[in-house]
PDB file of all heavy atoms in Angstrom:
ATOM      1  N   SER A   1       0.838  -1.210  -0.002  1.00  0.00           N
ATOM      2  CA  SER A   1      -0.001   0.000   0.001  1.00  0.00           C
ATOM      3  C   SER A   1       0.872   1.259   0.000  1.00  0.00           C
ATOM      4  O   SER A   1       0.534   2.257  -0.649  1.00  0.00           O
ATOM      5  CB  SER A   1      -0.944   0.009   1.200  1.00  0.00           C
ATOM      6  OG  SER A   1      -0.200  -0.084   2.408  1.00  0.00           O
ATOM      7  N   LEU A   2       2.005   1.229   0.697  1.00  0.00           N
ATOM      8  CA  LEU A   2       2.887   2.402   0.718  1.00  0.00           C
ATOM      9  C   LEU A   2       3.604   2.554  -0.624  1.00  0.00           C
ATOM     10  O   LEU A   2       3.850   3.666  -1.077  1.00  0.00           O
ATOM     11  CB  LEU A   2       3.894   2.291   1.871  1.00  0.00           C
ATOM     12  CG  LEU A   2       3.270   2.350   3.270  1.00  0.00           C
ATOM     13  CD1 LEU A   2       4.322   2.127   4.338  1.00  0.00           C
ATOM     14  CD2 LEU A   2       2.561   3.673   3.491  1.00  0.00           C
ATOM     15  N   ARG A   3       3.933   1.441  -1.266  1.00  0.00           N
ATOM     16  CA  ARG A   3       4.558   1.497  -2.595  1.00  0.00           C
ATOM     17  C   ARG A   3       3.582   2.146  -3.580  1.00  0.00           C
ATOM     18  O   ARG A   3       3.957   3.036  -4.336  1.00  0.00           O
ATOM     19  CB  ARG A   3       4.951   0.105  -3.065  1.00  0.00           C
ATOM     20  CG  ARG A   3       5.629   0.118  -4.439  1.00  0.00           C
ATOM     21  CD  ARG A   3       5.966  -1.272  -4.940  1.00  0.00           C
ATOM     22  NE  ARG A   3       6.941  -1.963  -4.126  1.00  0.00           N
ATOM     23  CZ  ARG A   3       8.251  -1.721  -4.145  1.00  0.00           C
ATOM     24  NH1 ARG A   3       8.732  -0.790  -4.931  1.00  0.00           N
ATOM     25  NH2 ARG A   3       9.060  -2.425  -3.403  1.00  0.00           N
ATOM     26  N   ARG A   4       2.313   1.693  -3.535  1.00  0.00           N
ATOM     27  CA  ARG A   4       1.308   2.265  -4.449  1.00  0.00           C
ATOM     28  C   ARG A   4       1.130   3.754  -4.215  1.00  0.00           C
ATOM     29  O   ARG A   4       0.921   4.522  -5.144  1.00  0.00           O
ATOM     30  CB  ARG A   4      -0.039   1.553  -4.258  1.00  0.00           C
ATOM     31  CG  ARG A   4      -0.138   0.221  -4.948  1.00  0.00           C
ATOM     32  CD  ARG A   4      -1.568  -0.304  -4.978  1.00  0.00           C
ATOM     33  NE  ARG A   4      -2.182  -0.420  -3.652  1.00  0.00           N
ATOM     34  CZ  ARG A   4      -2.022  -1.467  -2.847  1.00  0.00           C
ATOM     35  NH1 ARG A   4      -1.289  -2.488  -3.204  1.00  0.00           N
ATOM     36  NH2 ARG A   4      -2.614  -1.488  -1.660  1.00  0.00           N
ATOM     37  N   GLU A   5       1.185   4.169  -2.949  1.00  0.00           N
ATOM     38  CA  GLU A   5       1.016   5.580  -2.615  1.00  0.00           C
ATOM     39  C   GLU A   5       2.295   6.390  -2.860  1.00  0.00           C
ATOM     40  O   GLU A   5       2.285   7.607  -2.716  1.00  0.00           O
ATOM     41  CB  GLU A   5       0.603   5.714  -1.144  1.00  0.00           C
ATOM     42  CG  GLU A   5      -0.761   5.112  -0.848  1.00  0.00           C
ATOM     43  CD  GLU A   5      -1.034   5.024   0.653  1.00  0.00           C
ATOM     44  OE1 GLU A   5      -0.633   5.952   1.387  1.00  0.00           O
ATOM     45  OE2 GLU A   5      -1.651   4.025   1.089  1.00  0.00           O
ATOM     46  N   GLY A   6       3.386   5.706  -3.189  1.00  0.00           N
ATOM     47  CA  GLY A   6       4.650   6.396  -3.456  1.00  0.00           C
ATOM     48  C   GLY A   6       5.298   6.954  -2.198  1.00  0.00           C
ATOM     49  O   GLY A   6       6.033   7.940  -2.259  1.00  0.00           O
ATOM     50  N   ILE A   7       5.044   6.334  -1.064  1.00  0.00           N
ATOM     51  CA  ILE A   7       5.572   6.840   0.210  1.00  0.00           C
ATOM     52  C   ILE A   7       6.882   6.140   0.547  1.00  0.00           C
ATOM     53  O   ILE A   7       6.948   4.912   0.583  1.00  0.00           O
ATOM     54  CB  ILE A   7       4.545   6.636   1.344  1.00  0.00           C
ATOM     55  CG1 ILE A   7       3.293   7.471   1.055  1.00  0.00           C
ATOM     56  CG2 ILE A   7       5.153   6.992   2.698  1.00  0.00           C
ATOM     57  CD1 ILE A   7       2.155   7.238   2.013  1.00  0.00           C
ATOM     58  N   GLU A   8       7.912   6.932   0.786  1.00  0.00           N
ATOM     59  CA  GLU A   8       9.192   6.419   1.256  1.00  0.00           C
ATOM     60  C   GLU A   8       9.298   6.731   2.741  1.00  0.00           C
ATOM     61  O   GLU A   8       8.578   7.586   3.254  1.00  0.00           O
ATOM     62  CB  GLU A   8      10.351   7.070   0.510  1.00  0.00           C
ATOM     63  CG  GLU A   8      10.399   6.710  -0.958  1.00  0.00           C
ATOM     64  CD  GLU A   8      11.625   7.264  -1.651  1.00  0.00           C
ATOM     65  OE1 GLU A   8      12.157   8.306  -1.220  1.00  0.00           O
ATOM     66  OE2 GLU A   8      12.062   6.645  -2.632  1.00  0.00           O
ATOM     67  N   GLY A   9      10.205   6.056   3.411  1.00  0.00           N
ATOM     68  CA  GLY A   9      10.368   6.345   4.828  1.00  0.00           C
ATOM     69  C   GLY A   9      11.425   5.473   5.463  1.00  0.00           C
ATOM     70  O   GLY A   9      12.225   4.838   4.786  1.00  0.00           O
ATOM     71  N   SER A  10      11.377   5.452   6.776  1.00  0.00           N
ATOM     72  CA  SER A  10      12.339   4.648   7.522  1.00  0.00           C
ATOM     73  C   SER A  10      11.723   4.247   8.855  1.00  0.00           C
ATOM     74  O   SER A  10      10.712   4.800   9.287  1.00  0.00           O
ATOM     75  CB  SER A  10      13.628   5.424   7.753  1.00  0.00           C
ATOM     76  OG  SER A  10      13.387   6.548   8.568  1.00  0.00           O
ATOM     77  N   VAL A  11      12.353   3.271   9.466  1.00  0.00           N
ATOM     78  CA  VAL A  11      11.945   2.823  10.791  1.00  0.00           C
ATOM     79  C   VAL A  11      13.213   2.553  11.591  1.00  0.00           C
ATOM     80  O   VAL A  11      14.189   2.014  11.063  1.00  0.00           O
ATOM     81  CB  VAL A  11      11.033   1.573  10.721  1.00  0.00           C
ATOM     82  CG1 VAL A  11      11.727   0.399  10.087  1.00  0.00           C
ATOM     83  CG2 VAL A  11      10.522   1.187  12.092  1.00  0.00           C
ATOM     84  N   THR A  12      13.205   2.973  12.839  1.00  0.00           N
ATOM     85  CA  THR A  12      14.315   2.695  13.745  1.00  0.00           C
ATOM     86  C   THR A  12      13.778   1.800  14.847  1.00  0.00           C
ATOM     87  O   THR A  12      12.745   2.101  15.449  1.00  0.00           O
ATOM     88  CB  THR A  12      14.891   3.996  14.335  1.00  0.00           C
ATOM     89  OG1 THR A  12      15.336   4.823  13.248  1.00  0.00           O
ATOM     90  CG2 THR A  12      16.067   3.711  15.260  1.00  0.00           C
ATOM     91  N   VAL A  13      14.484   0.684  15.057  1.00  0.00           N
ATOM     92  CA  VAL A  13      14.059  -0.301  16.045  1.00  0.00           C
ATOM     93  C   VAL A  13      15.232  -0.671  16.945  1.00  0.00           C
ATOM     94  O   VAL A  13      16.393  -0.526  16.572  1.00  0.00           O
ATOM     95  CB  VAL A  13      13.516  -1.588  15.371  1.00  0.00           C
ATOM     96  CG1 VAL A  13      12.232  -1.308  14.610  1.00  0.00           C
ATOM     97  CG2 VAL A  13      14.557  -2.224  14.466  1.00  0.00           C
ATOM     98  N   ARG A  14      14.889  -1.136  18.135  1.00  0.00           N
ATOM     99  CA  ARG A  14      15.888  -1.730  19.028  1.00  0.00           C
ATOM    100  C   ARG A  14      15.604  -3.219  19.031  1.00  0.00           C
ATOM    101  O   ARG A  14      14.497  -3.641  19.368  1.00  0.00           O
ATOM    102  CB  ARG A  14      15.787  -1.172  20.440  1.00  0.00           C
ATOM    103  CG  ARG A  14      16.830  -1.801  21.391  1.00  0.00           C
ATOM    104  CD  ARG A  14      16.807  -1.188  22.789  1.00  0.00           C
ATOM    105  NE  ARG A  14      17.117   0.234  22.720  1.00  0.00           N
ATOM    106  CZ  ARG A  14      16.260   1.218  23.014  1.00  0.00           C
ATOM    107  NH1 ARG A  14      15.044   0.957  23.408  1.00  0.00           N
ATOM    108  NH2 ARG A  14      16.626   2.478  22.933  1.00  0.00           N
ATOM    109  N   VAL A  15      16.596  -4.009  18.618  1.00  0.00           N
ATOM    110  CA  VAL A  15      16.423  -5.455  18.589  1.00  0.00           C
ATOM    111  C   VAL A  15      17.218  -6.090  19.726  1.00  0.00           C
ATOM    112  O   VAL A  15      18.300  -5.619  20.074  1.00  0.00           O
ATOM    113  CB  VAL A  15      16.845  -6.060  17.234  1.00  0.00           C
ATOM    114  CG1 VAL A  15      15.927  -5.604  16.120  1.00  0.00           C
ATOM    115  CG2 VAL A  15      18.282  -5.745  16.886  1.00  0.00           C
ATOM    116  N   THR A  16      16.638  -7.131  20.302  1.00  0.00           N
ATOM    117  CA  THR A  16      17.340  -7.935  21.303  1.00  0.00           C
ATOM    118  C   THR A  16      17.850  -9.171  20.581  1.00  0.00           C
ATOM    119  O   THR A  16      17.084  -9.857  19.890  1.00  0.00           O
ATOM    120  CB  THR A  16      16.402  -8.332  22.458  1.00  0.00           C
ATOM    121  OG1 THR A  16      15.911  -7.133  23.060  1.00  0.00           O
ATOM    122  CG2 THR A  16      17.133  -9.171  23.500  1.00  0.00           C
ATOM    123  N   ILE A  17      19.139  -9.438  20.733  1.00  0.00           N
ATOM    124  CA  ILE A  17      19.801 -10.529  20.031  1.00  0.00           C
ATOM    125  C   ILE A  17      20.285 -11.543  21.068  1.00  0.00           C
ATOM    126  O   ILE A  17      20.995 -11.173  22.010  1.00  0.00           O
ATOM    127  CB  ILE A  17      20.999  -9.988  19.217  1.00  0.00           C
ATOM    128  CG1 ILE A  17      20.518  -8.892  18.262  1.00  0.00           C
ATOM    129  CG2 ILE A  17      21.717 -11.111  18.480  1.00  0.00           C
ATOM    130  CD1 ILE A  17      21.593  -7.933  17.834  1.00  0.00           C
ATOM    131  N   ASP A  18      19.879 -12.807  20.901  1.00  0.00           N
ATOM    132  CA  ASP A  18      20.265 -13.813  21.879  1.00  0.00           C
ATOM    133  C   ASP A  18      21.681 -14.343  21.621  1.00  0.00           C
ATOM    134  O   ASP A  18      22.355 -13.907  20.690  1.00  0.00           O
ATOM    135  CB  ASP A  18      19.223 -14.942  21.967  1.00  0.00           C
ATOM    136  CG  ASP A  18      19.197 -15.863  20.754  1.00  0.00           C
ATOM    137  OD1 ASP A  18      20.092 -15.787  19.887  1.00  0.00           O
ATOM    138  OD2 ASP A  18      18.258 -16.683  20.684  1.00  0.00           O
ATOM    139  N   GLU A  19      22.092 -15.297  22.443  1.00  0.00           N
ATOM    140  CA  GLU A  19      23.455 -15.834  22.367  1.00  0.00           C
ATOM    141  C   GLU A  19      23.715 -16.597  21.077  1.00  0.00           C
ATOM    142  O   GLU A  19      24.853 -16.855  20.730  1.00  0.00           O
ATOM    143  CB  GLU A  19      23.732 -16.796  23.540  1.00  0.00           C
ATOM    144  CG  GLU A  19      23.548 -16.200  24.897  1.00  0.00           C
ATOM    145  CD  GLU A  19      22.131 -16.397  25.447  1.00  0.00           C
ATOM    146  OE1 GLU A  19      21.172 -16.639  24.671  1.00  0.00           O
ATOM    147  OE2 GLU A  19      21.972 -16.288  26.669  1.00  0.00           O
ATOM    148  N   ARG A  20      22.660 -16.973  20.358  1.00  0.00           N
ATOM    149  CA  ARG A  20      22.830 -17.678  19.081  1.00  0.00           C
ATOM    150  C   ARG A  20      22.811 -16.725  17.897  1.00  0.00           C
ATOM    151  O   ARG A  20      22.968 -17.154  16.759  1.00  0.00           O
ATOM    152  CB  ARG A  20      21.724 -18.719  18.906  1.00  0.00           C
ATOM    153  CG  ARG A  20      21.758 -19.813  19.968  1.00  0.00           C
ATOM    154  CD  ARG A  20      20.518 -20.670  19.889  1.00  0.00           C
ATOM    155  NE  ARG A  20      19.343 -19.790  19.938  1.00  0.00           N
ATOM    156  CZ  ARG A  20      18.136 -20.107  19.509  1.00  0.00           C
ATOM    157  NH1 ARG A  20      17.907 -21.280  19.010  1.00  0.00           N
ATOM    158  NH2 ARG A  20      17.144 -19.249  19.609  1.00  0.00           N
ATOM    159  N   GLY A  21      22.552 -15.437  18.162  1.00  0.00           N
ATOM    160  CA  GLY A  21      22.517 -14.455  17.076  1.00  0.00           C
ATOM    161  C   GLY A  21      21.143 -14.243  16.482  1.00  0.00           C
ATOM    162  O   GLY A  21      21.001 -13.579  15.461  1.00  0.00           O
ATOM    163  N   ARG A  22      20.113 -14.778  17.129  1.00  0.00           N
ATOM    164  CA  ARG A  22      18.741 -14.611  16.636  1.00  0.00           C
ATOM    165  C   ARG A  22      18.055 -13.451  17.347  1.00  0.00           C
ATOM    166  O   ARG A  22      18.283 -13.220  18.523  1.00  0.00           O
ATOM    167  CB  ARG A  22      17.949 -15.891  16.862  1.00  0.00           C
ATOM    168  CG  ARG A  22      18.517 -17.076  16.096  1.00  0.00           C
ATOM    169  CD  ARG A  22      17.693 -18.302  16.329  1.00  0.00           C
ATOM    170  NE  ARG A  22      16.410 -18.183  15.646  1.00  0.00           N
ATOM    171  CZ  ARG A  22      16.102 -18.814  14.527  1.00  0.00           C
ATOM    172  NH1 ARG A  22      16.959 -19.620  13.969  1.00  0.00           N
ATOM    173  NH2 ARG A  22      14.923 -18.658  13.977  1.00  0.00           N
ATOM    174  N   VAL A  23      17.192 -12.763  16.612  1.00  0.00           N
ATOM    175  CA  VAL A  23      16.422 -11.654  17.194  1.00  0.00           C
ATOM    176  C   VAL A  23      15.255 -12.238  17.984  1.00  0.00           C
ATOM    177  O   VAL A  23      14.484 -13.036  17.459  1.00  0.00           O
ATOM    178  CB  VAL A  23      15.924 -10.707  16.087  1.00  0.00           C
ATOM    179  CG1 VAL A  23      14.992  -9.644  16.652  1.00  0.00           C
ATOM    180  CG2 VAL A  23      17.105 -10.052  15.375  1.00  0.00           C
ATOM    181  N   THR A  24      15.153 -11.834  19.246  1.00  0.00           N
ATOM    182  CA  THR A  24      14.077 -12.337  20.099  1.00  0.00           C
ATOM    183  C   THR A  24      13.033 -11.276  20.430  1.00  0.00           C
ATOM    184  O   THR A  24      11.953 -11.608  20.894  1.00  0.00           O
ATOM    185  CB  THR A  24      14.647 -12.908  21.414  1.00  0.00           C
ATOM    186  OG1 THR A  24      15.366 -11.875  22.091  1.00  0.00           O
ATOM    187  CG2 THR A  24      15.565 -14.099  21.145  1.00  0.00           C
ATOM    188  N   ALA A  25      13.352 -10.000  20.190  1.00  0.00           N
ATOM    189  CA  ALA A  25      12.399  -8.917  20.458  1.00  0.00           C
ATOM    190  C   ALA A  25      12.728  -7.727  19.571  1.00  0.00           C
ATOM    191  O   ALA A  25      13.896  -7.482  19.258  1.00  0.00           O
ATOM    192  CB  ALA A  25      12.449  -8.506  21.923  1.00  0.00           C
ATOM    193  N   VAL A  26      11.690  -7.011  19.180  1.00  0.00           N
ATOM    194  CA  VAL A  26      11.849  -5.818  18.348  1.00  0.00           C
ATOM    195  C   VAL A  26      11.002  -4.712  18.961  1.00  0.00           C
ATOM    196  O   VAL A  26       9.789  -4.855  19.099  1.00  0.00           O
ATOM    197  CB  VAL A  26      11.394  -6.071  16.893  1.00  0.00           C
ATOM    198  CG1 VAL A  26      11.616  -4.829  16.039  1.00  0.00           C
ATOM    199  CG2 VAL A  26      12.108  -7.278  16.296  1.00  0.00           C
ATOM    200  N   GLU A  27      11.654  -3.617  19.321  1.00  0.00           N
ATOM    201  CA  GLU A  27      10.962  -2.489  19.948  1.00  0.00           C
ATOM    202  C   GLU A  27      11.017  -1.288  19.005  1.00  0.00           C
ATOM    203  O   GLU A  27      12.087  -0.934  18.504  1.00  0.00           O
ATOM    204  CB  GLU A  27      11.660  -2.160  21.263  1.00  0.00           C
ATOM    205  CG  GLU A  27      11.107  -0.946  21.965  1.00  0.00           C
ATOM    206  CD  GLU A  27      11.963  -0.546  23.165  1.00  0.00           C
ATOM    207  OE1 GLU A  27      12.828  -1.333  23.592  1.00  0.00           O
ATOM    208  OE2 GLU A  27      11.760   0.575  23.666  1.00  0.00           O
ATOM    209  N   LEU A  28       9.876  -0.670  18.782  1.00  0.00           N
ATOM    210  CA  LEU A  28       9.809   0.514  17.928  1.00  0.00           C
ATOM    211  C   LEU A  28      10.420   1.717  18.632  1.00  0.00           C
ATOM    212  O   LEU A  28      10.084   2.000  19.781  1.00  0.00           O
ATOM    213  CB  LEU A  28       8.347   0.821  17.576  1.00  0.00           C
ATOM    214  CG  LEU A  28       8.103   2.114  16.812  1.00  0.00           C
ATOM    215  CD1 LEU A  28       8.760   2.072  15.439  1.00  0.00           C
ATOM    216  CD2 LEU A  28       6.613   2.378  16.691  1.00  0.00           C
ATOM    217  N   ILE A  29      11.312   2.396  17.941  1.00  0.00           N
ATOM    218  CA  ILE A  29      11.831   3.675  18.439  1.00  0.00           C
ATOM    219  C   ILE A  29      11.136   4.793  17.679  1.00  0.00           C
ATOM    220  O   ILE A  29      10.574   5.695  18.276  1.00  0.00           O
ATOM    221  CB  ILE A  29      13.357   3.745  18.313  1.00  0.00           C
ATOM    222  CG1 ILE A  29      13.985   2.706  19.247  1.00  0.00           C
ATOM    223  CG2 ILE A  29      13.861   5.149  18.636  1.00  0.00           C
ATOM    224  CD1 ILE A  29      15.478   2.604  19.155  1.00  0.00           C
ATOM    225  N   LYS A  30      11.170   4.720  16.344  1.00  0.00           N
ATOM    226  CA  LYS A  30      10.403   5.682  15.543  1.00  0.00           C
ATOM    227  C   LYS A  30      10.206   5.121  14.146  1.00  0.00           C
ATOM    228  O   LYS A  30      11.010   4.320  13.671  1.00  0.00           O
ATOM    229  CB  LYS A  30      11.085   7.049  15.492  1.00  0.00           C
ATOM    230  CG  LYS A  30      12.392   7.076  14.748  1.00  0.00           C
ATOM    231  CD  LYS A  30      12.977   8.475  14.726  1.00  0.00           C
ATOM    232  CE  LYS A  30      14.308   8.440  13.975  1.00  0.00           C
ATOM    233  NZ  LYS A  30      14.933   9.724  13.889  1.00  0.00           N
ATOM    234  N   ALA A  31       9.133   5.545  13.500  1.00  0.00           N
ATOM    235  CA  ALA A  31       8.829   5.080  12.151  1.00  0.00           C
ATOM    236  C   ALA A  31       8.061   6.157  11.406  1.00  0.00           C
ATOM    237  O   ALA A  31       7.230   6.847  11.990  1.00  0.00           O
ATOM    238  CB  ALA A  31       8.003   3.804  12.194  1.00  0.00           C
ATOM    239  N   THR A  32       8.350   6.268  10.112  1.00  0.00           N
ATOM    240  CA  THR A  32       7.610   7.181   9.258  1.00  0.00           C
ATOM    241  C   THR A  32       6.149   6.741   9.184  1.00  0.00           C
ATOM    242  O   THR A  32       5.244   7.564   9.149  1.00  0.00           O
ATOM    243  CB  THR A  32       8.217   7.186   7.836  1.00  0.00           C
ATOM    244  OG1 THR A  32       9.616   7.418   7.946  1.00  0.00           O
ATOM    245  CG2 THR A  32       7.604   8.247   6.963  1.00  0.00           C
ATOM    246  N   ASP A  33       5.937   5.422   9.170  1.00  0.00           N
ATOM    247  CA  ASP A  33       4.594   4.854   9.088  1.00  0.00           C
ATOM    248  C   ASP A  33       4.617   3.518   9.826  1.00  0.00           C
ATOM    249  O   ASP A  33       5.594   2.776   9.722  1.00  0.00           O
ATOM    250  CB  ASP A  33       4.214   4.655   7.613  1.00  0.00           C
ATOM    251  CG  ASP A  33       2.773   4.234   7.430  1.00  0.00           C
ATOM    252  OD1 ASP A  33       2.465   3.061   7.739  1.00  0.00           O
ATOM    253  OD2 ASP A  33       1.960   5.057   6.965  1.00  0.00           O
ATOM    254  N   SER A  34       3.550   3.198  10.542  1.00  0.00           N
ATOM    255  CA  SER A  34       3.522   1.958  11.320  1.00  0.00           C
ATOM    256  C   SER A  34       3.654   0.719  10.438  1.00  0.00           C
ATOM    257  O   SER A  34       4.123  -0.321  10.881  1.00  0.00           O
ATOM    258  CB  SER A  34       2.250   1.876  12.158  1.00  0.00           C
ATOM    259  OG  SER A  34       1.110   1.831  11.320  1.00  0.00           O
ATOM    260  N   ARG A  35       3.250   0.834   9.161  1.00  0.00           N
ATOM    261  CA  ARG A  35       3.369  -0.328   8.265  1.00  0.00           C
ATOM    262  C   ARG A  35       4.833  -0.654   7.990  1.00  0.00           C
ATOM    263  O   ARG A  35       5.190  -1.823   7.818  1.00  0.00           O
ATOM    264  CB  ARG A  35       2.599  -0.074   6.969  1.00  0.00           C
ATOM    265  CG  ARG A  35       1.082  -0.038   7.229  1.00  0.00           C
ATOM    266  CD  ARG A  35       0.301   0.444   6.040  1.00  0.00           C
ATOM    267  NE  ARG A  35       0.449   1.903   5.921  1.00  0.00           N
ATOM    268  CZ  ARG A  35      -0.201   2.663   5.040  1.00  0.00           C
ATOM    269  NH1 ARG A  35      -1.049   2.093   4.183  1.00  0.00           N
ATOM    270  NH2 ARG A  35      -0.034   3.954   4.999  1.00  0.00           N
ATOM    271  N   PHE A  36       5.706   0.356   7.974  1.00  0.00           N
ATOM    272  CA  PHE A  36       7.137   0.087   7.842  1.00  0.00           C
ATOM    273  C   PHE A  36       7.631  -0.699   9.058  1.00  0.00           C
ATOM    274  O   PHE A  36       8.428  -1.629   8.937  1.00  0.00           O
ATOM    275  CB  PHE A  36       7.945   1.380   7.706  1.00  0.00           C
ATOM    276  CG  PHE A  36       7.789   2.090   6.392  1.00  0.00           C
ATOM    277  CD1 PHE A  36       7.635   3.460   6.355  1.00  0.00           C
ATOM    278  CD2 PHE A  36       7.824   1.400   5.185  1.00  0.00           C
ATOM    279  CE1 PHE A  36       7.512   4.136   5.148  1.00  0.00           C
ATOM    280  CE2 PHE A  36       7.700   2.062   3.970  1.00  0.00           C
ATOM    281  CZ  PHE A  36       7.544   3.438   3.954  1.00  0.00           C
ATOM    282  N   PHE A  37       7.141  -0.322  10.247  1.00  0.00           N
ATOM    283  CA  PHE A  37       7.546  -1.036  11.452  1.00  0.00           C
ATOM    284  C   PHE A  37       7.083  -2.487  11.414  1.00  0.00           C
ATOM    285  O   PHE A  37       7.843  -3.401  11.731  1.00  0.00           O
ATOM    286  CB  PHE A  37       7.005  -0.347  12.713  1.00  0.00           C
ATOM    287  CG  PHE A  37       7.191  -1.187  13.956  1.00  0.00           C
ATOM    288  CD1 PHE A  37       8.459  -1.476  14.436  1.00  0.00           C
ATOM    289  CD2 PHE A  37       6.098  -1.703  14.621  1.00  0.00           C
ATOM    290  CE1 PHE A  37       8.635  -2.266  15.574  1.00  0.00           C
ATOM    291  CE2 PHE A  37       6.265  -2.485  15.754  1.00  0.00           C
ATOM    292  CZ  PHE A  37       7.537  -2.772  16.228  1.00  0.00           C
ATOM    293  N   GLU A  38       5.841  -2.716  11.036  1.00  0.00           N
ATOM    294  CA  GLU A  38       5.308  -4.086  11.017  1.00  0.00           C
ATOM    295  C   GLU A  38       6.126  -4.979  10.085  1.00  0.00           C
ATOM    296  O   GLU A  38       6.449  -6.114  10.437  1.00  0.00           O
ATOM    297  CB  GLU A  38       3.826  -4.094  10.622  1.00  0.00           C
ATOM    298  CG  GLU A  38       2.923  -3.509  11.681  1.00  0.00           C
ATOM    299  CD  GLU A  38       3.069  -4.172  13.046  1.00  0.00           C
ATOM    300  OE1 GLU A  38       3.222  -5.410  13.120  1.00  0.00           O
ATOM    301  OE2 GLU A  38       3.045  -3.440  14.054  1.00  0.00           O
TER     302      GLU A  38
END
C-alpha cells in the first residue's frame, strides 16, 4: 500500500539478540509509518 502511494520512509528499532545471534524482540523507536515497522 505504501509502494502504491509512493511513500518512502524509515523505521528505527531496538532489537534484542540472543546468544545464538537470533532476534528475540523488536521495539519501535520511531517510524515514518507503522506499516514500515510491522
